N, C-alpha and C. Protein backbone atom coordinates (compact mmCIF):
# COMPACT_ATOMS: atom_id res chain seq x y z
N UNK A 1 102.12 128.90 122.38
CA UNK A 1 102.24 130.31 122.05
C UNK A 1 100.85 130.85 121.71
N UNK A 2 100.55 132.03 122.17
CA UNK A 2 99.27 132.65 121.88
C UNK A 2 99.39 133.44 120.58
N UNK A 3 98.49 133.13 119.65
CA UNK A 3 98.49 133.79 118.35
C UNK A 3 97.27 134.68 118.20
N UNK A 4 97.42 135.73 117.43
CA UNK A 4 96.24 136.53 117.10
C UNK A 4 95.43 135.75 116.08
N UNK A 5 94.21 136.16 115.86
CA UNK A 5 93.34 135.50 114.89
C UNK A 5 93.97 135.56 113.50
N UNK A 6 94.53 136.68 113.17
CA UNK A 6 95.16 136.84 111.85
C UNK A 6 96.38 135.94 111.70
N UNK A 7 97.24 135.91 112.73
CA UNK A 7 98.42 135.06 112.66
C UNK A 7 98.03 133.59 112.49
N UNK A 8 97.02 133.17 113.22
CA UNK A 8 96.56 131.79 113.10
C UNK A 8 96.00 131.52 111.71
N UNK A 9 95.27 132.48 111.16
CA UNK A 9 94.71 132.32 109.82
C UNK A 9 95.83 132.20 108.78
N UNK A 10 96.87 133.00 108.91
CA UNK A 10 98.00 132.93 107.97
C UNK A 10 98.70 131.58 108.09
N UNK A 11 98.93 131.13 109.31
CA UNK A 11 99.58 129.83 109.51
C UNK A 11 98.71 128.69 108.98
N UNK A 12 97.41 128.78 109.19
CA UNK A 12 96.51 127.73 108.68
C UNK A 12 96.41 127.75 107.16
N UNK A 13 96.85 128.84 106.56
CA UNK A 13 96.90 128.92 105.10
C UNK A 13 97.98 128.00 104.54
N UNK A 14 99.08 127.85 105.28
CA UNK A 14 100.21 127.05 104.79
C UNK A 14 100.44 125.76 105.58
N UNK A 15 99.81 125.62 106.73
CA UNK A 15 99.98 124.43 107.56
C UNK A 15 98.62 123.81 107.85
N UNK A 16 98.61 122.51 108.10
CA UNK A 16 97.34 121.87 108.44
C UNK A 16 96.82 122.32 109.79
N UNK A 17 97.72 122.49 110.74
CA UNK A 17 97.33 122.93 112.08
C UNK A 17 98.32 123.98 112.56
N UNK A 18 98.03 125.23 112.27
CA UNK A 18 98.93 126.32 112.60
C UNK A 18 99.19 126.46 114.09
N UNK A 19 98.17 126.24 114.90
CA UNK A 19 98.34 126.37 116.35
C UNK A 19 99.28 125.30 116.89
N UNK A 20 99.12 124.08 116.44
CA UNK A 20 100.00 123.00 116.90
C UNK A 20 101.44 123.27 116.49
N UNK A 21 101.63 123.76 115.26
CA UNK A 21 102.98 124.08 114.81
C UNK A 21 103.58 125.19 115.68
N UNK A 22 102.79 126.23 115.95
CA UNK A 22 103.28 127.35 116.76
C UNK A 22 103.61 126.90 118.18
N UNK A 23 102.78 126.00 118.72
CA UNK A 23 103.02 125.51 120.07
C UNK A 23 104.33 124.72 120.16
N UNK A 24 104.74 124.09 119.07
CA UNK A 24 105.95 123.28 119.07
C UNK A 24 107.16 124.01 118.50
N UNK A 25 106.98 125.25 118.10
CA UNK A 25 108.09 126.03 117.56
C UNK A 25 109.12 126.30 118.66
N UNK A 26 110.37 126.30 118.28
CA UNK A 26 111.44 126.49 119.26
C UNK A 26 111.47 127.94 119.74
N UNK A 27 111.33 128.87 118.81
CA UNK A 27 111.37 130.29 119.18
C UNK A 27 110.18 131.01 118.58
N UNK A 28 109.72 132.01 119.30
CA UNK A 28 108.59 132.82 118.82
C UNK A 28 108.95 133.54 117.53
N UNK A 29 110.23 133.90 117.38
CA UNK A 29 110.64 134.62 116.16
C UNK A 29 110.47 133.74 114.92
N UNK A 30 110.56 132.42 115.05
CA UNK A 30 110.33 131.53 113.91
C UNK A 30 108.87 131.59 113.46
N UNK A 31 107.99 131.65 114.44
CA UNK A 31 106.56 131.74 114.13
C UNK A 31 106.27 133.06 113.43
N UNK A 32 106.78 134.14 113.98
CA UNK A 32 106.54 135.46 113.40
C UNK A 32 107.15 135.57 112.00
N UNK A 33 108.30 134.94 111.78
CA UNK A 33 108.93 134.97 110.46
C UNK A 33 108.07 134.21 109.44
N UNK A 34 107.50 133.08 109.85
CA UNK A 34 106.65 132.31 108.95
C UNK A 34 105.38 133.09 108.62
N UNK A 35 104.81 133.75 109.61
CA UNK A 35 103.61 134.56 109.38
C UNK A 35 103.95 135.68 108.39
N UNK A 36 105.05 136.35 108.60
CA UNK A 36 105.44 137.45 107.72
C UNK A 36 105.70 136.95 106.29
N UNK A 37 106.30 135.78 106.17
CA UNK A 37 106.63 135.23 104.86
C UNK A 37 105.38 134.94 104.03
N UNK A 38 104.32 134.45 104.67
CA UNK A 38 103.14 134.00 103.93
C UNK A 38 101.94 134.95 104.03
N UNK A 39 102.10 136.06 104.69
CA UNK A 39 101.00 137.00 104.88
C UNK A 39 100.46 137.54 103.56
N UNK A 40 101.33 137.93 102.65
CA UNK A 40 100.89 138.49 101.36
C UNK A 40 100.17 137.42 100.54
N UNK A 41 100.68 136.20 100.56
CA UNK A 41 100.04 135.10 99.83
C UNK A 41 98.65 134.81 100.40
N UNK A 42 98.54 134.85 101.72
CA UNK A 42 97.25 134.65 102.38
C UNK A 42 96.26 135.74 101.97
N UNK A 43 96.70 137.02 102.01
CA UNK A 43 95.83 138.14 101.64
C UNK A 43 95.36 138.01 100.19
N UNK A 44 96.26 137.61 99.31
CA UNK A 44 95.92 137.44 97.90
C UNK A 44 94.89 136.32 97.72
N UNK A 45 95.05 135.24 98.43
CA UNK A 45 94.11 134.12 98.33
C UNK A 45 92.74 134.49 98.86
N UNK A 46 92.70 135.23 99.95
CA UNK A 46 91.42 135.66 100.53
C UNK A 46 90.71 136.62 99.58
N UNK A 47 91.47 137.49 98.94
CA UNK A 47 90.89 138.47 98.02
C UNK A 47 90.26 137.81 96.80
N UNK A 48 90.77 136.65 96.40
CA UNK A 48 90.20 135.93 95.25
C UNK A 48 88.80 135.40 95.53
N UNK A 49 88.46 135.24 96.79
CA UNK A 49 87.14 134.74 97.16
C UNK A 49 87.15 133.23 97.36
N UNK A 50 86.11 132.75 97.99
CA UNK A 50 85.94 131.32 98.33
C UNK A 50 87.23 130.73 98.90
N UNK A 51 87.76 131.40 99.91
CA UNK A 51 89.02 130.99 100.53
C UNK A 51 88.85 129.70 101.32
N UNK A 52 89.87 128.84 101.28
CA UNK A 52 89.91 127.61 102.07
C UNK A 52 91.29 127.51 102.72
N UNK A 53 91.30 126.99 103.95
CA UNK A 53 92.57 126.76 104.62
C UNK A 53 93.27 125.58 103.96
N UNK A 54 94.52 125.36 104.32
CA UNK A 54 95.25 124.23 103.73
C UNK A 54 94.55 122.91 104.03
N UNK A 55 94.09 122.75 105.25
CA UNK A 55 93.39 121.50 105.62
C UNK A 55 92.14 121.33 104.77
N UNK A 56 91.38 122.38 104.58
CA UNK A 56 90.17 122.30 103.75
C UNK A 56 90.52 121.96 102.30
N UNK A 57 91.61 122.55 101.79
CA UNK A 57 92.03 122.25 100.41
C UNK A 57 92.48 120.80 100.28
N UNK A 58 93.25 120.32 101.24
CA UNK A 58 93.73 118.94 101.18
C UNK A 58 92.58 117.95 101.36
N UNK A 59 91.62 118.27 102.23
CA UNK A 59 90.45 117.40 102.38
C UNK A 59 89.63 117.34 101.10
N UNK A 60 89.47 118.49 100.43
CA UNK A 60 88.72 118.53 99.17
C UNK A 60 89.45 117.73 98.09
N UNK A 61 90.78 117.85 98.05
CA UNK A 61 91.57 117.08 97.08
C UNK A 61 91.45 115.58 97.34
N UNK A 62 91.52 115.20 98.61
CA UNK A 62 91.41 113.78 98.96
C UNK A 62 90.03 113.25 98.59
N UNK A 63 89.00 114.04 98.82
CA UNK A 63 87.64 113.62 98.47
C UNK A 63 87.51 113.47 96.96
N UNK A 64 88.09 114.40 96.20
CA UNK A 64 88.03 114.31 94.74
C UNK A 64 88.75 113.07 94.23
N UNK A 65 89.92 112.77 94.82
CA UNK A 65 90.65 111.55 94.42
C UNK A 65 89.86 110.30 94.77
N UNK A 66 89.24 110.29 95.96
CA UNK A 66 88.44 109.13 96.37
C UNK A 66 87.23 108.97 95.46
N UNK A 67 86.57 110.07 95.12
CA UNK A 67 85.42 110.01 94.20
C UNK A 67 85.84 109.47 92.84
N UNK A 68 86.98 109.92 92.34
CA UNK A 68 87.47 109.42 91.05
C UNK A 68 87.77 107.93 91.13
N UNK A 69 88.31 107.49 92.25
CA UNK A 69 88.60 106.06 92.44
C UNK A 69 87.30 105.26 92.50
N UNK A 70 86.34 105.77 93.29
CA UNK A 70 85.07 105.05 93.47
C UNK A 70 84.23 105.02 92.21
N UNK A 71 84.31 106.06 91.39
CA UNK A 71 83.47 106.17 90.20
C UNK A 71 84.19 105.71 88.93
N UNK A 72 85.18 104.85 89.10
CA UNK A 72 85.92 104.34 87.95
C UNK A 72 84.99 103.45 87.11
N UNK A 73 85.32 103.31 85.85
CA UNK A 73 84.53 102.45 84.96
C UNK A 73 84.69 100.99 85.39
N UNK A 74 83.77 100.15 84.93
CA UNK A 74 83.77 98.76 85.37
C UNK A 74 85.09 98.07 85.03
N UNK A 75 85.66 98.40 83.87
CA UNK A 75 86.89 97.71 83.46
C UNK A 75 88.06 98.05 84.39
N UNK A 76 88.11 99.28 84.88
CA UNK A 76 89.17 99.66 85.81
C UNK A 76 88.94 98.96 87.15
N UNK A 77 87.70 98.95 87.62
CA UNK A 77 87.40 98.26 88.88
C UNK A 77 87.73 96.78 88.77
N UNK A 78 87.41 96.18 87.64
CA UNK A 78 87.67 94.76 87.43
C UNK A 78 89.18 94.51 87.43
N UNK A 79 89.91 95.35 86.76
CA UNK A 79 91.36 95.20 86.69
C UNK A 79 91.99 95.30 88.09
N UNK A 80 91.49 96.21 88.91
CA UNK A 80 92.00 96.37 90.28
C UNK A 80 91.73 95.14 91.13
N UNK A 81 90.66 94.41 90.82
CA UNK A 81 90.23 93.29 91.64
C UNK A 81 91.05 92.03 91.42
N UNK A 82 91.67 91.91 90.27
CA UNK A 82 92.45 90.71 90.00
C UNK A 82 93.69 90.65 90.89
N UNK A 83 94.11 89.43 91.25
CA UNK A 83 95.38 89.29 91.98
C UNK A 83 96.53 89.74 91.07
N UNK A 84 97.66 90.11 91.64
CA UNK A 84 98.81 90.51 90.82
C UNK A 84 99.18 89.41 89.81
N UNK A 85 99.60 89.82 88.64
CA UNK A 85 99.89 88.88 87.57
C UNK A 85 100.97 87.88 87.99
N UNK A 86 101.92 88.32 88.78
CA UNK A 86 102.96 87.41 89.26
C UNK A 86 102.38 86.26 90.07
N UNK A 87 101.40 86.59 90.93
CA UNK A 87 100.75 85.55 91.72
C UNK A 87 99.96 84.59 90.83
N UNK A 88 99.30 85.14 89.81
CA UNK A 88 98.55 84.29 88.89
C UNK A 88 99.48 83.34 88.15
N UNK A 89 100.58 83.87 87.63
CA UNK A 89 101.52 83.03 86.89
C UNK A 89 102.16 81.98 87.80
N UNK A 90 102.47 82.36 89.02
CA UNK A 90 103.05 81.43 89.98
C UNK A 90 102.09 80.27 90.24
N UNK A 91 100.81 80.58 90.42
CA UNK A 91 99.81 79.54 90.66
C UNK A 91 99.69 78.61 89.46
N UNK A 92 99.71 79.18 88.25
CA UNK A 92 99.65 78.35 87.05
C UNK A 92 100.88 77.45 86.93
N UNK A 93 102.04 77.98 87.27
CA UNK A 93 103.27 77.21 87.18
C UNK A 93 103.26 76.04 88.15
N UNK A 94 102.81 76.32 89.38
CA UNK A 94 102.77 75.26 90.39
C UNK A 94 101.71 74.22 90.07
N UNK A 95 100.60 74.69 89.48
CA UNK A 95 99.52 73.77 89.12
C UNK A 95 98.81 73.22 90.33
N UNK A 96 98.03 72.18 90.14
CA UNK A 96 97.33 71.50 91.24
C UNK A 96 96.40 72.41 92.00
N UNK A 97 96.49 72.33 93.34
CA UNK A 97 95.59 73.10 94.21
C UNK A 97 95.79 74.60 94.06
N UNK A 98 97.04 75.03 93.83
CA UNK A 98 97.31 76.46 93.66
C UNK A 98 96.58 77.01 92.44
N UNK A 99 96.64 76.28 91.34
CA UNK A 99 95.97 76.72 90.11
C UNK A 99 94.46 76.72 90.29
N UNK A 100 93.95 75.71 90.99
CA UNK A 100 92.50 75.63 91.22
C UNK A 100 92.04 76.78 92.11
N UNK A 101 92.82 77.11 93.13
CA UNK A 101 92.46 78.21 94.03
C UNK A 101 92.49 79.54 93.28
N UNK A 102 93.49 79.71 92.39
CA UNK A 102 93.58 80.95 91.61
C UNK A 102 92.41 81.05 90.65
N UNK A 103 92.00 79.95 90.08
CA UNK A 103 90.86 79.95 89.15
C UNK A 103 89.60 80.40 89.88
N UNK A 104 89.41 79.96 91.10
CA UNK A 104 88.25 80.39 91.90
C UNK A 104 88.28 81.90 92.11
N UNK A 105 89.46 82.43 92.44
CA UNK A 105 89.60 83.87 92.67
C UNK A 105 89.30 84.65 91.40
N UNK A 106 89.88 84.22 90.28
CA UNK A 106 89.68 84.92 89.01
C UNK A 106 88.23 84.83 88.57
N UNK A 107 87.60 83.67 88.73
CA UNK A 107 86.19 83.52 88.36
C UNK A 107 85.30 84.42 89.21
N UNK A 108 85.64 84.58 90.49
CA UNK A 108 84.85 85.48 91.35
C UNK A 108 84.97 86.93 90.88
N UNK A 109 86.17 87.34 90.50
CA UNK A 109 86.35 88.70 89.96
C UNK A 109 85.49 88.88 88.71
N UNK A 110 85.52 87.90 87.85
CA UNK A 110 84.73 87.99 86.62
C UNK A 110 83.24 88.05 86.91
N UNK A 111 82.76 87.25 87.87
CA UNK A 111 81.32 87.27 88.17
C UNK A 111 80.90 88.54 88.91
N UNK A 112 81.79 89.07 89.74
CA UNK A 112 81.48 90.32 90.48
C UNK A 112 81.54 91.54 89.58
N UNK A 113 82.30 91.47 88.50
CA UNK A 113 82.48 92.61 87.58
C UNK A 113 82.24 92.15 86.16
N UNK A 114 80.99 91.86 85.80
CA UNK A 114 80.72 91.35 84.43
C UNK A 114 81.01 92.41 83.38
N UNK A 115 81.40 91.93 82.20
CA UNK A 115 81.66 92.84 81.09
C UNK A 115 80.36 93.44 80.58
N UNK A 116 80.48 94.68 80.08
CA UNK A 116 79.36 95.35 79.43
C UNK A 116 78.25 95.52 80.32
């Protein structure tokens, strides 16, 4: 379906890819109804300034979450690196080679993420 620049902008306000959605819409009236439904919200968002499409907003959110994950304190990074507690307890229960292998894994986590 061919959209005007404004219609595409309104759809991109609420969808990641407005053109792809419009191309797969069953009826043109569904596309026009969605544009009409979100047009006022789009205008309000643009008027606030520094407007971003839905894809831009979601990409920025994903980057912020990734930055928060990457910039975690050492203790959080260390905690994430350990094997699940169930696996650790299972290895201790079995003993022998399993316990020795788990000790190697835990010691590596400790050496890779020293305290303080």
